[in-house]
């Protein structure tokens, strides 16, 4: 049974935006049981955890003698070894993997930059001037994605690991108001969130935050 790591007390307050959510969802879609080892912010930076993740972050994945870090690499590993997350057709499989990379390399960076500015720069003199430009960068990506997905339920035919990565990236915008400007993308995210495997993964990570907040 694989073991993944997650925040002992997630800064997202149980909203399921930490990157372990992607791995949890993939494992749930694959009907693969897994264990979770919770890690504090202090422990993440210590040698034992850095032996698993050289950058001192989460998630990590351990299964036998294999240890992985980076959520995209972990989800791809899971998808390659379990049915239902990558198409059998070679070309469709390659496209699904391309969408995984697109989510992480093209769509996520401006979203993370906006999120970090909202979180860390609100009290800075330049915040009000910088914010519209950050929002516009995200709108450009959402517009491009909207044109692709406007007539489809998922990114490329059937649901795949590409959709896991893209939906979890887009969920970072749930409280920004930007998703509402693109109804087809908002509907796409809602379809992902409605999947039973997503709900199981979400409830599992929410239970961790709920327990931590009570202690």
N, C-alpha and C. Protein backbone atom coordinates (compact mmCIF):
# COMPACT_ATOMS: atom_id res chain seq x y z
N UNK A 1 0.85 -1.19 0.00
CA UNK A 1 0.00 0.00 0.00
C UNK A 1 0.88 1.24 0.00
N UNK A 2 0.70 2.15 -0.95
CA UNK A 2 1.52 3.36 -0.98
C UNK A 2 1.20 4.29 0.19
N UNK A 3 2.18 5.09 0.54
CA UNK A 3 2.02 6.12 1.57
C UNK A 3 2.32 7.47 0.96
N UNK A 4 1.43 8.44 1.17
CA UNK A 4 1.68 9.80 0.72
C UNK A 4 1.81 10.70 1.94
N UNK A 5 2.42 11.85 1.75
CA UNK A 5 2.50 12.83 2.82
C UNK A 5 1.58 14.00 2.51
N UNK A 6 1.10 14.62 3.59
CA UNK A 6 0.21 15.77 3.49
C UNK A 6 0.48 16.69 4.66
N UNK A 7 -0.03 17.93 4.57
CA UNK A 7 0.13 18.87 5.67
C UNK A 7 -0.57 18.36 6.92
N UNK A 8 0.11 18.46 8.04
CA UNK A 8 -0.52 18.18 9.33
C UNK A 8 -1.61 19.21 9.62
N UNK A 9 -1.37 20.44 9.22
CA UNK A 9 -2.34 21.52 9.40
C UNK A 9 -2.28 22.41 8.15
N UNK A 10 -3.14 22.13 7.19
CA UNK A 10 -3.03 22.77 5.88
C UNK A 10 -3.36 24.25 5.94
N UNK A 11 -2.56 25.09 5.27
CA UNK A 11 -2.85 26.53 5.25
C UNK A 11 -4.10 26.89 4.47
N UNK A 12 -4.64 25.95 3.69
CA UNK A 12 -5.85 26.27 2.92
C UNK A 12 -7.13 26.05 3.72
N UNK A 13 -6.98 25.67 4.99
CA UNK A 13 -8.12 25.51 5.91
C UNK A 13 -9.16 24.51 5.39
N UNK A 14 -8.66 23.42 4.82
CA UNK A 14 -9.53 22.32 4.41
C UNK A 14 -10.22 22.49 3.08
N UNK A 15 -9.81 23.47 2.29
CA UNK A 15 -10.46 23.70 1.00
C UNK A 15 -9.99 22.75 -0.10
N UNK A 16 -9.00 21.92 0.20
CA UNK A 16 -8.54 20.93 -0.78
C UNK A 16 -7.72 21.53 -1.89
N UNK A 17 -6.97 22.58 -1.60
CA UNK A 17 -6.14 23.22 -2.62
C UNK A 17 -4.67 22.84 -2.51
N UNK A 18 -4.28 22.17 -1.43
CA UNK A 18 -2.90 21.69 -1.32
C UNK A 18 -2.69 20.56 -2.34
N UNK A 19 -1.45 20.38 -2.73
CA UNK A 19 -1.17 19.48 -3.86
C UNK A 19 -1.34 18.00 -3.54
N UNK A 20 -1.45 17.65 -2.27
CA UNK A 20 -1.75 16.24 -1.98
C UNK A 20 -3.14 15.86 -2.48
N UNK A 21 -4.01 16.85 -2.67
CA UNK A 21 -5.37 16.58 -3.16
C UNK A 21 -5.34 15.91 -4.53
N UNK A 22 -4.41 16.30 -5.37
CA UNK A 22 -4.30 15.69 -6.70
C UNK A 22 -3.98 14.21 -6.60
N UNK A 23 -3.07 13.90 -5.71
CA UNK A 23 -2.65 12.51 -5.54
C UNK A 23 -3.76 11.69 -4.90
N UNK A 24 -4.40 12.24 -3.88
CA UNK A 24 -5.54 11.55 -3.25
C UNK A 24 -6.61 11.23 -4.29
N UNK A 25 -6.94 12.22 -5.12
CA UNK A 25 -7.99 12.03 -6.12
C UNK A 25 -7.60 10.93 -7.10
N UNK A 26 -6.37 10.94 -7.59
CA UNK A 26 -5.92 9.91 -8.53
C UNK A 26 -6.02 8.52 -7.90
N UNK A 27 -5.60 8.40 -6.66
CA UNK A 27 -5.66 7.11 -5.98
C UNK A 27 -7.10 6.65 -5.79
N UNK A 28 -7.99 7.60 -5.49
CA UNK A 28 -9.41 7.25 -5.34
C UNK A 28 -10.01 6.82 -6.67
N UNK A 29 -9.67 7.52 -7.76
CA UNK A 29 -10.16 7.13 -9.08
C UNK A 29 -9.68 5.73 -9.46
N UNK A 30 -8.45 5.41 -9.04
CA UNK A 30 -7.87 4.10 -9.34
C UNK A 30 -8.31 3.02 -8.36
N UNK A 31 -9.13 3.38 -7.36
CA UNK A 31 -9.55 2.44 -6.32
C UNK A 31 -8.34 1.80 -5.65
N UNK A 32 -7.30 2.60 -5.44
CA UNK A 32 -6.07 2.14 -4.82
C UNK A 32 -6.01 2.59 -3.37
N UNK A 33 -6.05 1.67 -2.41
CA UNK A 33 -5.91 2.07 -1.00
C UNK A 33 -4.55 2.73 -0.77
N UNK A 34 -4.50 3.63 0.21
CA UNK A 34 -3.25 4.32 0.50
C UNK A 34 -3.25 4.79 1.95
N UNK A 35 -2.06 4.99 2.46
CA UNK A 35 -1.89 5.57 3.78
C UNK A 35 -1.43 7.02 3.64
N UNK A 36 -1.69 7.82 4.66
CA UNK A 36 -1.25 9.21 4.68
C UNK A 36 -0.42 9.45 5.93
N UNK A 37 0.75 10.00 5.74
CA UNK A 37 1.58 10.42 6.86
C UNK A 37 1.56 11.94 6.92
N UNK A 38 1.09 12.50 8.02
CA UNK A 38 0.96 13.94 8.16
C UNK A 38 2.29 14.54 8.61
N UNK A 39 2.63 15.69 8.02
CA UNK A 39 3.92 16.31 8.25
C UNK A 39 3.70 17.76 8.68
N UNK A 40 4.36 18.17 9.75
CA UNK A 40 4.28 19.56 10.19
C UNK A 40 5.18 20.44 9.32
N UNK A 41 5.00 21.75 9.40
CA UNK A 41 5.83 22.67 8.63
C UNK A 41 7.29 22.56 9.07
N UNK A 42 7.50 22.33 10.33
CA UNK A 42 8.87 22.17 10.83
C UNK A 42 9.50 20.89 10.29
N UNK A 43 8.77 19.79 10.37
CA UNK A 43 9.29 18.50 9.92
C UNK A 43 9.57 18.49 8.42
N UNK A 44 8.79 19.26 7.65
CA UNK A 44 8.99 19.31 6.20
C UNK A 44 10.38 19.78 5.83
N UNK A 45 10.99 20.59 6.66
CA UNK A 45 12.29 21.17 6.34
C UNK A 45 13.46 20.41 6.97
N UNK A 46 13.15 19.33 7.67
CA UNK A 46 14.20 18.56 8.32
C UNK A 46 14.72 17.45 7.40
N UNK A 47 15.85 16.89 7.79
CA UNK A 47 16.57 15.97 6.91
C UNK A 47 15.75 14.75 6.52
N UNK A 48 14.97 14.21 7.45
CA UNK A 48 14.22 12.99 7.15
C UNK A 48 13.24 13.21 6.01
N UNK A 49 12.54 14.36 6.02
CA UNK A 49 11.60 14.62 4.94
C UNK A 49 12.33 15.05 3.66
N UNK A 50 13.40 15.81 3.81
CA UNK A 50 14.14 16.24 2.62
C UNK A 50 14.77 15.05 1.90
N UNK A 51 14.96 13.94 2.59
CA UNK A 51 15.43 12.74 1.91
C UNK A 51 14.39 12.21 0.94
N UNK A 52 13.13 12.53 1.20
CA UNK A 52 12.03 12.15 0.29
C UNK A 52 11.74 13.23 -0.73
N UNK A 53 11.81 14.48 -0.29
CA UNK A 53 11.51 15.63 -1.15
C UNK A 53 12.61 16.67 -0.94
N UNK A 54 13.52 16.81 -1.89
CA UNK A 54 14.69 17.67 -1.67
C UNK A 54 14.34 19.14 -1.44
N UNK A 55 13.12 19.55 -1.82
CA UNK A 55 12.72 20.94 -1.65
C UNK A 55 11.86 21.15 -0.40
N UNK A 56 11.69 20.09 0.39
CA UNK A 56 11.00 20.22 1.65
C UNK A 56 9.54 20.58 1.52
N UNK A 57 8.84 19.95 0.58
CA UNK A 57 7.43 20.22 0.34
C UNK A 57 6.63 18.93 0.41
N UNK A 58 5.32 19.06 0.18
CA UNK A 58 4.46 17.89 0.04
C UNK A 58 3.76 18.01 -1.32
N UNK A 59 3.27 16.90 -1.87
CA UNK A 59 3.26 15.55 -1.32
C UNK A 59 4.52 14.77 -1.72
N UNK A 60 4.72 13.67 -1.02
CA UNK A 60 5.64 12.64 -1.47
C UNK A 60 4.85 11.34 -1.59
N UNK A 61 5.46 10.37 -2.24
CA UNK A 61 4.80 9.07 -2.50
C UNK A 61 5.84 7.99 -2.28
N UNK A 62 5.52 7.03 -1.42
CA UNK A 62 6.41 5.90 -1.16
C UNK A 62 5.65 4.60 -1.39
N UNK A 63 6.24 3.72 -2.17
CA UNK A 63 5.63 2.42 -2.44
C UNK A 63 6.76 1.42 -2.63
N UNK A 64 6.98 0.58 -1.63
CA UNK A 64 8.11 -0.33 -1.69
C UNK A 64 9.41 0.45 -1.70
N UNK A 65 10.26 0.17 -2.70
CA UNK A 65 11.54 0.86 -2.77
C UNK A 65 11.49 2.11 -3.65
N UNK A 66 10.29 2.52 -4.04
CA UNK A 66 10.14 3.72 -4.87
C UNK A 66 9.69 4.90 -4.03
N UNK A 67 10.38 6.01 -4.17
CA UNK A 67 9.96 7.27 -3.57
C UNK A 67 9.88 8.33 -4.65
N UNK A 68 8.77 9.05 -4.70
CA UNK A 68 8.57 10.11 -5.68
C UNK A 68 8.19 11.40 -4.98
N UNK A 69 8.53 12.53 -5.61
CA UNK A 69 8.00 13.82 -5.21
C UNK A 69 7.50 14.52 -6.47
N UNK A 70 6.84 15.65 -6.30
CA UNK A 70 6.15 16.41 -7.35
C UNK A 70 4.82 15.73 -7.69
N UNK A 71 3.74 16.47 -7.49
CA UNK A 71 2.40 15.90 -7.65
C UNK A 71 2.15 15.39 -9.06
N UNK A 72 2.65 16.10 -10.08
CA UNK A 72 2.44 15.65 -11.45
C UNK A 72 3.11 14.32 -11.72
N UNK A 73 4.32 14.15 -11.24
CA UNK A 73 5.03 12.88 -11.44
C UNK A 73 4.33 11.75 -10.70
N UNK A 74 3.81 12.05 -9.52
CA UNK A 74 3.13 11.01 -8.75
C UNK A 74 1.83 10.59 -9.44
N UNK A 75 1.05 11.58 -9.88
CA UNK A 75 -0.22 11.26 -10.56
C UNK A 75 0.06 10.49 -11.84
N UNK A 76 1.07 10.88 -12.59
CA UNK A 76 1.41 10.15 -13.82
C UNK A 76 1.80 8.71 -13.49
N UNK A 77 2.58 8.51 -12.46
CA UNK A 77 2.96 7.15 -12.04
C UNK A 77 1.73 6.32 -11.72
N UNK A 78 0.80 6.90 -10.96
CA UNK A 78 -0.43 6.18 -10.62
C UNK A 78 -1.23 5.86 -11.87
N UNK A 79 -1.35 6.85 -12.76
CA UNK A 79 -2.16 6.68 -13.97
C UNK A 79 -1.59 5.62 -14.89
N UNK A 80 -0.27 5.51 -14.93
CA UNK A 80 0.35 4.52 -15.81
C UNK A 80 0.20 3.10 -15.28
N UNK A 81 -0.14 2.96 -14.02
CA UNK A 81 -0.19 1.63 -13.42
C UNK A 81 -1.60 1.17 -13.05
N UNK A 82 -2.58 2.01 -13.29
CA UNK A 82 -3.96 1.64 -12.98
C UNK A 82 -4.86 2.07 -14.13
N UNK A 83 -5.87 1.28 -14.39
CA UNK A 83 -6.80 1.59 -15.48
C UNK A 83 -7.66 2.80 -15.14
N UNK A 84 -8.07 3.50 -16.18
CA UNK A 84 -9.08 4.54 -16.03
C UNK A 84 -8.58 5.96 -16.00
N UNK A 85 -7.26 6.17 -15.90
CA UNK A 85 -6.73 7.52 -15.81
C UNK A 85 -5.96 7.95 -17.05
N UNK A 86 -5.63 7.00 -17.92
CA UNK A 86 -5.02 7.31 -19.21
C UNK A 86 -5.68 6.43 -20.27
N UNK A 87 -5.95 6.98 -21.45
CA UNK A 87 -6.57 6.18 -22.51
C UNK A 87 -5.66 5.04 -22.97
N UNK A 88 -6.26 4.01 -23.53
CA UNK A 88 -5.47 2.91 -24.08
C UNK A 88 -4.84 3.28 -25.41
N UNK A 89 -5.55 4.04 -26.23
CA UNK A 89 -5.00 4.48 -27.51
C UNK A 89 -3.75 5.32 -27.29
N UNK A 90 -2.69 5.03 -28.01
CA UNK A 90 -1.40 5.68 -27.77
C UNK A 90 -1.45 7.18 -27.99
N UNK A 91 -2.12 7.62 -29.05
CA UNK A 91 -2.19 9.05 -29.33
C UNK A 91 -3.02 9.79 -28.28
N UNK A 92 -4.15 9.18 -27.91
CA UNK A 92 -4.99 9.80 -26.88
C UNK A 92 -4.25 9.84 -25.54
N UNK A 93 -3.48 8.80 -25.28
CA UNK A 93 -2.69 8.74 -24.05
C UNK A 93 -1.67 9.87 -24.03
N UNK A 94 -1.01 10.08 -25.15
CA UNK A 94 -0.02 11.16 -25.23
C UNK A 94 -0.68 12.52 -25.04
N UNK A 95 -1.88 12.70 -25.59
CA UNK A 95 -2.58 13.98 -25.43
C UNK A 95 -2.97 14.20 -23.96
N UNK A 96 -3.42 13.15 -23.28
CA UNK A 96 -3.79 13.28 -21.87
C UNK A 96 -2.59 13.71 -21.04
N UNK A 97 -1.42 13.14 -21.34
CA UNK A 97 -0.21 13.52 -20.63
C UNK A 97 0.16 14.96 -20.96
N UNK A 98 -0.03 15.36 -22.22
CA UNK A 98 0.23 16.75 -22.59
C UNK A 98 -0.63 17.71 -21.79
N UNK A 99 -1.89 17.35 -21.54
CA UNK A 99 -2.77 18.20 -20.73
C UNK A 99 -2.30 18.26 -19.28
N UNK A 100 -1.71 17.19 -18.77
CA UNK A 100 -1.14 17.25 -17.43
C UNK A 100 -0.04 18.31 -17.37
N UNK A 101 0.83 18.30 -18.38
CA UNK A 101 1.90 19.29 -18.43
C UNK A 101 1.34 20.69 -18.62
N UNK A 102 0.31 20.82 -19.44
CA UNK A 102 -0.30 22.13 -19.68
C UNK A 102 -0.88 22.71 -18.40
N UNK A 103 -1.52 21.86 -17.62
CA UNK A 103 -2.09 22.33 -16.35
C UNK A 103 -1.00 22.88 -15.44
N UNK A 104 0.11 22.17 -15.35
CA UNK A 104 1.17 22.54 -14.41
C UNK A 104 2.06 23.66 -14.94
N UNK A 105 2.34 23.66 -16.24
CA UNK A 105 3.35 24.57 -16.79
C UNK A 105 2.76 25.82 -17.44
N UNK A 106 1.51 25.75 -17.90
CA UNK A 106 0.92 26.88 -18.62
C UNK A 106 -0.19 27.56 -17.82
N UNK A 107 -1.06 26.78 -17.20
CA UNK A 107 -2.22 27.35 -16.52
C UNK A 107 -1.91 27.69 -15.06
N UNK A 108 -1.18 26.84 -14.38
CA UNK A 108 -0.96 27.05 -12.95
C UNK A 108 -0.08 28.26 -12.61
N UNK A 109 1.02 28.53 -13.32
CA UNK A 109 1.91 29.62 -12.87
C UNK A 109 1.22 30.97 -12.67
N UNK A 110 0.41 31.49 -13.62
CA UNK A 110 -0.22 32.78 -13.34
C UNK A 110 -1.25 32.71 -12.21
N UNK A 111 -1.89 31.55 -12.03
CA UNK A 111 -2.85 31.39 -10.94
C UNK A 111 -2.13 31.42 -9.59
N UNK A 112 -1.01 30.73 -9.49
CA UNK A 112 -0.25 30.74 -8.24
C UNK A 112 0.30 32.13 -7.97
N UNK A 113 0.78 32.81 -8.99
CA UNK A 113 1.31 34.16 -8.78
C UNK A 113 0.23 35.10 -8.25
N UNK A 114 -0.98 34.99 -8.82
CA UNK A 114 -2.09 35.79 -8.32
C UNK A 114 -2.43 35.41 -6.89
N UNK A 115 -2.51 34.13 -6.61
CA UNK A 115 -2.87 33.67 -5.26
C UNK A 115 -1.86 34.15 -4.22
N UNK A 116 -0.58 34.09 -4.55
CA UNK A 116 0.45 34.51 -3.61
C UNK A 116 0.40 36.02 -3.38
N UNK A 117 0.10 36.77 -4.42
CA UNK A 117 -0.01 38.22 -4.26
C UNK A 117 -1.17 38.57 -3.34
N UNK A 118 -2.31 37.91 -3.54
CA UNK A 118 -3.48 38.17 -2.70
C UNK A 118 -3.18 37.79 -1.25
N UNK A 119 -2.45 36.71 -1.06
CA UNK A 119 -2.17 36.22 0.28
C UNK A 119 -1.10 37.05 1.00
N UNK A 120 -0.06 37.47 0.26
CA UNK A 120 1.13 38.01 0.91
C UNK A 120 1.37 39.50 0.66
N UNK A 121 0.68 40.09 -0.30
CA UNK A 121 1.03 41.46 -0.69
C UNK A 121 -0.08 42.48 -0.48
N UNK A 122 -1.14 42.10 0.17
CA UNK A 122 -2.27 43.02 0.34
C UNK A 122 -1.88 44.33 1.03
N UNK A 123 -0.90 44.27 1.90
CA UNK A 123 -0.52 45.46 2.66
C UNK A 123 0.62 46.24 1.99
N UNK A 124 1.00 45.85 0.79
CA UNK A 124 2.10 46.51 0.11
C UNK A 124 1.59 47.68 -0.73
N UNK A 125 2.44 48.67 -0.90
CA UNK A 125 2.03 49.88 -1.62
C UNK A 125 1.72 49.60 -3.08
N UNK A 126 2.34 48.59 -3.64
CA UNK A 126 2.17 48.30 -5.06
C UNK A 126 1.01 47.34 -5.36
N UNK A 127 0.36 46.82 -4.32
CA UNK A 127 -0.62 45.75 -4.52
C UNK A 127 -1.75 46.18 -5.45
N UNK A 128 -2.37 47.31 -5.19
CA UNK A 128 -3.53 47.75 -5.97
C UNK A 128 -3.16 47.95 -7.44
N UNK A 129 -1.94 48.41 -7.68
CA UNK A 129 -1.50 48.64 -9.06
C UNK A 129 -1.16 47.33 -9.76
N UNK A 130 -0.62 46.38 -9.01
CA UNK A 130 -0.18 45.11 -9.60
C UNK A 130 -1.32 44.13 -9.84
N UNK A 131 -2.34 44.17 -8.99
CA UNK A 131 -3.40 43.16 -9.03
C UNK A 131 -4.10 43.05 -10.39
N UNK A 132 -4.51 44.15 -11.04
CA UNK A 132 -5.21 43.99 -12.32
C UNK A 132 -4.38 43.26 -13.37
N UNK A 133 -3.07 43.50 -13.41
CA UNK A 133 -2.23 42.80 -14.37
C UNK A 133 -2.16 41.31 -14.10
N UNK A 134 -2.07 40.93 -12.83
CA UNK A 134 -2.06 39.51 -12.47
C UNK A 134 -3.39 38.86 -12.84
N UNK A 135 -4.48 39.53 -12.59
CA UNK A 135 -5.80 38.98 -12.94
C UNK A 135 -5.95 38.84 -14.45
N UNK A 136 -5.41 39.78 -15.20
CA UNK A 136 -5.53 39.71 -16.65
C UNK A 136 -4.74 38.54 -17.22
N UNK A 137 -3.58 38.26 -16.64
CA UNK A 137 -2.81 37.09 -17.09
C UNK A 137 -3.61 35.81 -16.90
N UNK A 138 -4.32 35.71 -15.79
CA UNK A 138 -5.15 34.53 -15.55
C UNK A 138 -6.31 34.51 -16.53
N UNK A 139 -6.93 35.65 -16.78
CA UNK A 139 -8.05 35.70 -17.72
C UNK A 139 -7.63 35.24 -19.12
N UNK A 140 -6.44 35.61 -19.52
CA UNK A 140 -5.97 35.19 -20.84
C UNK A 140 -5.92 33.67 -20.91
N UNK A 141 -5.36 33.03 -19.90
CA UNK A 141 -5.29 31.57 -19.90
C UNK A 141 -6.69 30.95 -19.83
N UNK A 142 -7.56 31.51 -19.02
CA UNK A 142 -8.91 30.97 -18.92
C UNK A 142 -9.65 31.13 -20.24
N UNK A 143 -9.44 32.22 -20.93
CA UNK A 143 -10.08 32.42 -22.23
C UNK A 143 -9.61 31.39 -23.24
N UNK A 144 -8.32 31.12 -23.23
CA UNK A 144 -7.77 30.12 -24.16
C UNK A 144 -8.32 28.73 -23.83
N UNK A 145 -8.39 28.41 -22.56
CA UNK A 145 -8.93 27.11 -22.16
C UNK A 145 -10.41 27.03 -22.47
N UNK A 146 -11.12 28.13 -22.26
CA UNK A 146 -12.56 28.16 -22.53
C UNK A 146 -12.86 27.84 -23.98
N UNK A 147 -12.07 28.38 -24.90
CA UNK A 147 -12.30 28.10 -26.32
C UNK A 147 -12.10 26.63 -26.63
N UNK A 148 -11.23 25.97 -25.89
CA UNK A 148 -11.01 24.55 -26.14
C UNK A 148 -12.12 23.69 -25.58
N UNK A 149 -12.61 24.03 -24.41
CA UNK A 149 -13.50 23.12 -23.68
C UNK A 149 -14.97 23.48 -23.81
N UNK A 150 -15.30 24.49 -24.57
CA UNK A 150 -16.68 25.00 -24.59
C UNK A 150 -17.70 23.96 -25.04
N UNK A 151 -17.30 22.99 -25.87
CA UNK A 151 -18.24 21.99 -26.37
C UNK A 151 -17.96 20.60 -25.81
N UNK A 152 -17.15 20.50 -24.76
CA UNK A 152 -16.74 19.19 -24.26
C UNK A 152 -16.92 19.08 -22.76
N UNK A 153 -17.11 17.86 -22.29
CA UNK A 153 -17.18 17.62 -20.85
C UNK A 153 -15.80 17.61 -20.22
N UNK A 154 -14.82 17.01 -20.95
CA UNK A 154 -13.47 16.87 -20.44
C UNK A 154 -12.47 17.38 -21.47
N UNK A 155 -11.21 17.39 -21.14
CA UNK A 155 -10.22 18.03 -21.99
C UNK A 155 -10.03 17.34 -23.32
N UNK A 156 -10.09 16.00 -23.32
CA UNK A 156 -9.84 15.27 -24.57
C UNK A 156 -10.59 13.93 -24.51
N UNK A 157 -11.85 13.96 -24.87
CA UNK A 157 -12.63 12.73 -24.81
C UNK A 157 -12.99 12.37 -23.39
N UNK A 158 -12.64 11.15 -22.97
CA UNK A 158 -13.00 10.66 -21.64
C UNK A 158 -12.17 11.35 -20.56
N UNK A 159 -12.69 11.33 -19.35
CA UNK A 159 -11.98 11.84 -18.18
C UNK A 159 -10.62 11.16 -18.06
N UNK A 160 -9.59 11.93 -17.69
CA UNK A 160 -8.25 11.37 -17.57
C UNK A 160 -7.47 12.08 -16.48
N UNK A 161 -6.22 11.64 -16.29
CA UNK A 161 -5.33 12.30 -15.35
C UNK A 161 -5.11 13.76 -15.71
N UNK A 162 -5.21 14.10 -17.00
CA UNK A 162 -5.12 15.50 -17.40
C UNK A 162 -6.19 16.34 -16.75
N UNK A 163 -7.38 15.80 -16.62
CA UNK A 163 -8.48 16.53 -15.97
C UNK A 163 -8.25 16.65 -14.47
N UNK A 164 -7.67 15.63 -13.85
CA UNK A 164 -7.34 15.74 -12.42
C UNK A 164 -6.42 16.93 -12.19
N UNK A 165 -5.37 17.02 -12.98
CA UNK A 165 -4.42 18.11 -12.80
C UNK A 165 -5.06 19.46 -13.11
N UNK A 166 -5.83 19.54 -14.19
CA UNK A 166 -6.40 20.83 -14.59
C UNK A 166 -7.46 21.30 -13.59
N UNK A 167 -8.34 20.42 -13.17
CA UNK A 167 -9.39 20.82 -12.23
C UNK A 167 -8.77 21.28 -10.91
N UNK A 168 -7.78 20.55 -10.42
CA UNK A 168 -7.19 20.95 -9.14
C UNK A 168 -6.43 22.27 -9.26
N UNK A 169 -5.84 22.54 -10.40
CA UNK A 169 -5.22 23.85 -10.63
C UNK A 169 -6.27 24.95 -10.63
N UNK A 170 -7.35 24.74 -11.36
CA UNK A 170 -8.39 25.76 -11.49
C UNK A 170 -9.12 26.02 -10.18
N UNK A 171 -9.20 25.01 -9.32
CA UNK A 171 -9.90 25.20 -8.04
C UNK A 171 -9.25 26.27 -7.17
N UNK A 172 -8.01 26.59 -7.42
CA UNK A 172 -7.36 27.67 -6.68
C UNK A 172 -8.07 29.01 -6.89
N UNK A 173 -8.88 29.08 -7.95
CA UNK A 173 -9.60 30.33 -8.26
C UNK A 173 -11.01 30.35 -7.70
N UNK A 174 -11.38 29.36 -6.89
CA UNK A 174 -12.77 29.25 -6.46
C UNK A 174 -13.29 30.47 -5.72
N UNK A 175 -12.45 31.19 -5.03
CA UNK A 175 -12.92 32.35 -4.28
C UNK A 175 -12.48 33.67 -4.92
N UNK A 176 -11.94 33.61 -6.13
CA UNK A 176 -11.40 34.80 -6.77
C UNK A 176 -12.44 35.59 -7.57
N UNK A 177 -13.54 34.92 -7.96
CA UNK A 177 -14.52 35.54 -8.83
C UNK A 177 -14.20 35.39 -10.30
N UNK A 178 -13.01 34.92 -10.63
CA UNK A 178 -12.60 34.82 -12.03
C UNK A 178 -13.27 33.66 -12.75
N UNK A 179 -13.48 32.55 -12.06
CA UNK A 179 -14.13 31.41 -12.73
C UNK A 179 -15.53 31.77 -13.21
N UNK A 180 -16.23 32.61 -12.45
CA UNK A 180 -17.60 32.99 -12.82
C UNK A 180 -17.64 33.77 -14.13
N UNK A 181 -16.51 34.34 -14.54
CA UNK A 181 -16.46 35.06 -15.82
C UNK A 181 -16.42 34.10 -17.00
N UNK A 182 -16.17 32.82 -16.73
CA UNK A 182 -16.07 31.80 -17.78
C UNK A 182 -16.96 30.63 -17.38
N UNK A 183 -18.25 30.71 -17.67
CA UNK A 183 -19.20 29.70 -17.19
C UNK A 183 -18.87 28.28 -17.62
N UNK A 184 -18.30 28.11 -18.82
CA UNK A 184 -17.98 26.76 -19.25
C UNK A 184 -16.84 26.16 -18.43
N UNK A 185 -15.90 26.99 -18.01
CA UNK A 185 -14.83 26.49 -17.15
C UNK A 185 -15.35 26.23 -15.74
N UNK A 186 -16.20 27.10 -15.25
CA UNK A 186 -16.81 26.86 -13.94
C UNK A 186 -17.58 25.55 -13.94
N UNK A 187 -18.30 25.28 -15.03
CA UNK A 187 -19.06 24.03 -15.14
C UNK A 187 -18.11 22.82 -15.22
N UNK A 188 -17.01 22.99 -15.90
CA UNK A 188 -16.00 21.93 -16.00
C UNK A 188 -15.44 21.59 -14.62
N UNK A 189 -15.10 22.61 -13.85
CA UNK A 189 -14.60 22.38 -12.49
C UNK A 189 -15.67 21.69 -11.65
N UNK A 190 -16.90 22.13 -11.78
CA UNK A 190 -17.99 21.52 -11.01
C UNK A 190 -18.17 20.04 -11.37
N UNK A 191 -18.00 19.70 -12.65
CA UNK A 191 -18.10 18.29 -13.04
C UNK A 191 -17.02 17.47 -12.36
N UNK A 192 -15.81 18.02 -12.31
CA UNK A 192 -14.74 17.31 -11.61
C UNK A 192 -15.04 17.13 -10.14
N UNK A 193 -15.51 18.20 -9.50
CA UNK A 193 -15.80 18.15 -8.07
C UNK A 193 -16.97 17.22 -7.75
N UNK A 194 -17.81 16.94 -8.73
CA UNK A 194 -18.97 16.07 -8.51
C UNK A 194 -18.62 14.58 -8.61
N UNK A 195 -17.44 14.26 -9.11
CA UNK A 195 -17.08 12.84 -9.24
C UNK A 195 -16.95 12.21 -7.85
N UNK A 196 -17.48 11.00 -7.68
CA UNK A 196 -17.40 10.35 -6.37
C UNK A 196 -15.98 10.23 -5.83
N UNK A 197 -15.02 9.95 -6.70
CA UNK A 197 -13.63 9.83 -6.25
C UNK A 197 -13.11 11.15 -5.72
N UNK A 198 -13.49 12.26 -6.37
CA UNK A 198 -13.08 13.57 -5.86
C UNK A 198 -13.68 13.80 -4.48
N UNK A 199 -14.96 13.48 -4.33
CA UNK A 199 -15.62 13.72 -3.05
C UNK A 199 -14.95 12.91 -1.93
N UNK A 200 -14.58 11.67 -2.23
CA UNK A 200 -13.91 10.86 -1.21
C UNK A 200 -12.56 11.47 -0.83
N UNK A 201 -11.81 11.90 -1.83
CA UNK A 201 -10.51 12.52 -1.57
C UNK A 201 -10.68 13.82 -0.79
N UNK A 202 -11.67 14.61 -1.17
CA UNK A 202 -11.89 15.90 -0.50
C UNK A 202 -12.27 15.67 0.96
N UNK A 203 -13.16 14.75 1.21
CA UNK A 203 -13.59 14.51 2.58
C UNK A 203 -12.43 13.98 3.43
N UNK A 204 -11.56 13.18 2.84
CA UNK A 204 -10.42 12.64 3.58
C UNK A 204 -9.47 13.76 4.01
N UNK A 205 -9.18 14.70 3.10
CA UNK A 205 -8.27 15.78 3.47
C UNK A 205 -8.96 16.77 4.40
N UNK A 206 -10.26 16.97 4.24
CA UNK A 206 -10.99 17.88 5.13
C UNK A 206 -11.00 17.34 6.56
N UNK A 207 -11.09 16.02 6.69
CA UNK A 207 -11.10 15.41 8.03
C UNK A 207 -9.80 15.70 8.77
N UNK A 208 -8.68 15.77 8.03
CA UNK A 208 -7.39 16.09 8.66
C UNK A 208 -7.42 17.50 9.23
N UNK A 209 -7.91 18.45 8.45
CA UNK A 209 -7.98 19.83 8.93
C UNK A 209 -8.94 19.96 10.11
N UNK A 210 -10.07 19.28 10.02
CA UNK A 210 -11.06 19.35 11.10
C UNK A 210 -10.47 18.81 12.40
N UNK A 211 -9.75 17.70 12.31
CA UNK A 211 -9.13 17.13 13.51
C UNK A 211 -8.07 18.07 14.07
N UNK A 212 -7.28 18.67 13.18
CA UNK A 212 -6.22 19.57 13.63
C UNK A 212 -6.79 20.81 14.30
N UNK A 213 -7.91 21.31 13.77
CA UNK A 213 -8.50 22.53 14.33
C UNK A 213 -9.13 22.29 15.70
N UNK A 214 -9.46 21.03 15.99
CA UNK A 214 -10.05 20.70 17.29
C UNK A 214 -9.00 20.47 18.35
N UNK A 215 -7.77 20.18 17.92
CA UNK A 215 -6.73 19.83 18.89
C UNK A 215 -6.04 21.07 19.47
